[in-house]
Amino acid sequence: MKMIRRRTVHLKVCNLTESPLNISFEPLGDQADLPAKGTFAVEISGPGDGLVEICVEEKGLVVGEWAGAKTRVRNMHGENVATY
């Protein structure tokens, strides 16, 4: 019987600009807007390799999660912004 390892990755995403920043979470395409000068704490967990890819695009950031991962996004006050 093969044991599937559960991984958890924590990211702190800061927006140092004067404008909101769109963050897209792939592969599902869910989105969250990070306010100007704001910070998000992102926790991605689930079975699999735990590889997270961060890409910059003209309209914001893309966070590429591994298949089967669940994501929780909190603001700088610890309030839940989104769960995917």
C-alpha atoms as a PDB file:
ATOM      1  CA  MET A   1       0.000   0.000   0.000  1.00  0.00           C
ATOM      2  CA  LYS A   2       1.514   3.312  -1.115  1.00  0.00           C
ATOM      3  CA  MET A   3       1.243   6.173   1.362  1.00  0.00           C
ATOM      4  CA  ILE A   4       0.195   9.476  -0.210  1.00  0.00           C
ATOM      5  CA  ARG A   5       2.023  12.345   1.415  1.00  0.00           C
ATOM      6  CA  ARG A   6       0.062  15.483   2.296  1.00  0.00           C
ATOM      7  CA  ARG A   7       1.890  18.761   1.730  1.00  0.00           C
ATOM      8  CA  THR A   8       1.236  22.276   3.017  1.00  0.00           C
ATOM      9  CA  VAL A   9       2.764  25.424   1.533  1.00  0.00           C
ATOM     10  CA  HIS A  10       2.436  28.864   3.158  1.00  0.00           C
ATOM     11  CA  LEU A  11       2.890  32.051   1.128  1.00  0.00           C
ATOM     12  CA  LYS A  12       2.788  35.694   2.118  1.00  0.00           C
ATOM     13  CA  VAL A  13       1.780  37.864  -0.840  1.00  0.00           C
ATOM     14  CA  CYS A  14       2.286  41.629  -0.495  1.00  0.00           C
ATOM     15  CA  ASN A  15       1.044  44.334  -2.829  1.00  0.00           C
ATOM     16  CA  LEU A  16       3.470  47.246  -2.640  1.00  0.00           C
ATOM     17  CA  THR A  17       1.682  49.257  -5.338  1.00  0.00           C
ATOM     18  CA  GLU A  18      -0.989  51.948  -5.113  1.00  0.00           C
ATOM     19  CA  SER A  19      -3.485  49.818  -7.076  1.00  0.00           C
ATOM     20  CA  PRO A  20      -5.349  46.568  -6.326  1.00  0.00           C
ATOM     21  CA  LEU A  21      -3.721  43.399  -7.675  1.00  0.00           C
ATOM     22  CA  ASN A  22      -5.649  40.471  -9.111  1.00  0.00           C
ATOM     23  CA  ILE A  23      -4.482  36.998  -8.070  1.00  0.00           C
ATOM     24  CA  SER A  24      -5.710  34.007 -10.035  1.00  0.00           C
ATOM     25  CA  PHE A  25      -5.486  30.533  -8.483  1.00  0.00           C
ATOM     26  CA  GLU A  26      -5.020  27.798 -11.066  1.00  0.00           C
ATOM     27  CA  PRO A  27      -6.017  25.245 -12.208  1.00  0.00           C
ATOM     28  CA  LEU A  28      -9.575  26.283 -11.187  1.00  0.00           C
ATOM     29  CA  GLY A  29      -9.240  29.958 -12.130  1.00  0.00           C
ATOM     30  CA  ASP A  30     -10.619  31.307  -8.843  1.00  0.00           C
ATOM     31  CA  GLN A  31      -9.632  34.911  -8.189  1.00  0.00           C
ATOM     32  CA  ALA A  32      -9.047  37.303  -5.301  1.00  0.00           C
ATOM     33  CA  ASP A  33      -8.254  41.016  -5.410  1.00  0.00           C
ATOM     34  CA  LEU A  34      -5.406  42.064  -3.146  1.00  0.00           C
ATOM     35  CA  PRO A  35      -5.945  45.696  -2.087  1.00  0.00           C
ATOM     36  CA  ALA A  36      -3.276  48.359  -2.586  1.00  0.00           C
ATOM     37  CA  LYS A  37      -0.629  48.078   0.159  1.00  0.00           C
ATOM     38  CA  GLY A  38      -2.374  44.901   1.372  1.00  0.00           C
ATOM     39  CA  THR A  39      -1.099  41.474   2.349  1.00  0.00           C
ATOM     40  CA  PHE A  40      -2.596  38.010   1.933  1.00  0.00           C
ATOM     41  CA  ALA A  41      -1.567  34.862   3.770  1.00  0.00           C
ATOM     42  CA  VAL A  42      -2.091  31.921   1.423  1.00  0.00           C
ATOM     43  CA  GLU A  43      -2.137  28.306   2.601  1.00  0.00           C
ATOM     44  CA  ILE A  44      -2.196  25.555  -0.014  1.00  0.00           C
ATOM     45  CA  SER A  45      -2.495  21.952   1.150  1.00  0.00           C
ATOM     46  CA  GLY A  46      -3.355  18.520  -0.100  1.00  0.00           C
ATOM     47  CA  PRO A  47      -1.940  15.250  -1.346  1.00  0.00           C
ATOM     48  CA  GLY A  48       0.760  15.486  -3.974  1.00  0.00           C
ATOM     49  CA  ASP A  49       4.150  17.001  -4.692  1.00  0.00           C
ATOM     50  CA  GLY A  50       3.549  20.416  -3.094  1.00  0.00           C
ATOM     51  CA  LEU A  51       4.947  22.326  -6.056  1.00  0.00           C
ATOM     52  CA  VAL A  52       3.557  25.876  -6.363  1.00  0.00           C
ATOM     53  CA  GLU A  53       4.261  28.020  -9.402  1.00  0.00           C
ATOM     54  CA  ILE A  54       4.042  31.833  -9.226  1.00  0.00           C
ATOM     55  CA  CYS A  55       3.721  33.733 -12.509  1.00  0.00           C
ATOM     56  CA  VAL A  56       3.507  37.464 -13.145  1.00  0.00           C
ATOM     57  CA  GLU A  57       1.210  38.669 -15.891  1.00  0.00           C
ATOM     58  CA  GLU A  58       0.080  42.127 -16.977  1.00  0.00           C
ATOM     59  CA  LYS A  59      -3.118  41.986 -14.921  1.00  0.00           C
ATOM     60  CA  GLY A  60      -1.626  40.474 -11.763  1.00  0.00           C
ATOM     61  CA  LEU A  61      -0.315  37.159 -10.414  1.00  0.00           C
ATOM     62  CA  VAL A  62      -1.125  33.561 -11.188  1.00  0.00           C
ATOM     63  CA  VAL A  63      -0.600  30.995  -8.425  1.00  0.00           C
ATOM     64  CA  GLY A  64      -0.402  27.503  -9.907  1.00  0.00           C
ATOM     65  CA  GLU A  65      -1.387  24.844  -7.396  1.00  0.00           C
ATOM     66  CA  TRP A  66      -0.932  21.108  -7.729  1.00  0.00           C
ATOM     67  CA  ALA A  67      -3.877  18.844  -8.592  1.00  0.00           C
ATOM     68  CA  GLY A  68      -6.021  18.012  -5.567  1.00  0.00           C
ATOM     69  CA  ALA A  69      -4.813  20.961  -3.472  1.00  0.00           C
ATOM     70  CA  LYS A  70      -7.124  23.179  -1.412  1.00  0.00           C
ATOM     71  CA  THR A  71      -6.370  26.859  -0.870  1.00  0.00           C
ATOM     72  CA  ARG A  72      -7.244  29.275   1.924  1.00  0.00           C
ATOM     73  CA  VAL A  73      -6.613  33.016   1.578  1.00  0.00           C
ATOM     74  CA  ARG A  74      -6.631  35.344   4.605  1.00  0.00           C
ATOM     75  CA  ASN A  75      -6.121  39.095   4.821  1.00  0.00           C
ATOM     76  CA  MET A  76      -3.613  40.812   7.124  1.00  0.00           C
ATOM     77  CA  HIS A  77      -6.191  40.755   9.967  1.00  0.00           C
ATOM     78  CA  GLY A  78      -6.507  36.958   9.741  1.00  0.00           C
ATOM     79  CA  GLU A  79      -9.991  37.135   8.221  1.00  0.00           C
ATOM     80  CA  ASN A  80     -10.893  34.531   5.626  1.00  0.00           C
ATOM     81  CA  VAL A  81     -10.988  36.092   2.137  1.00  0.00           C
ATOM     82  CA  ALA A  82     -11.577  32.915   0.139  1.00  0.00           C
ATOM     83  CA  THR A  83     -11.333  29.141   0.282  1.00  0.00           C
ATOM     84  CA  TYR A  84     -10.977  27.086  -2.908  1.00  0.00           C
END
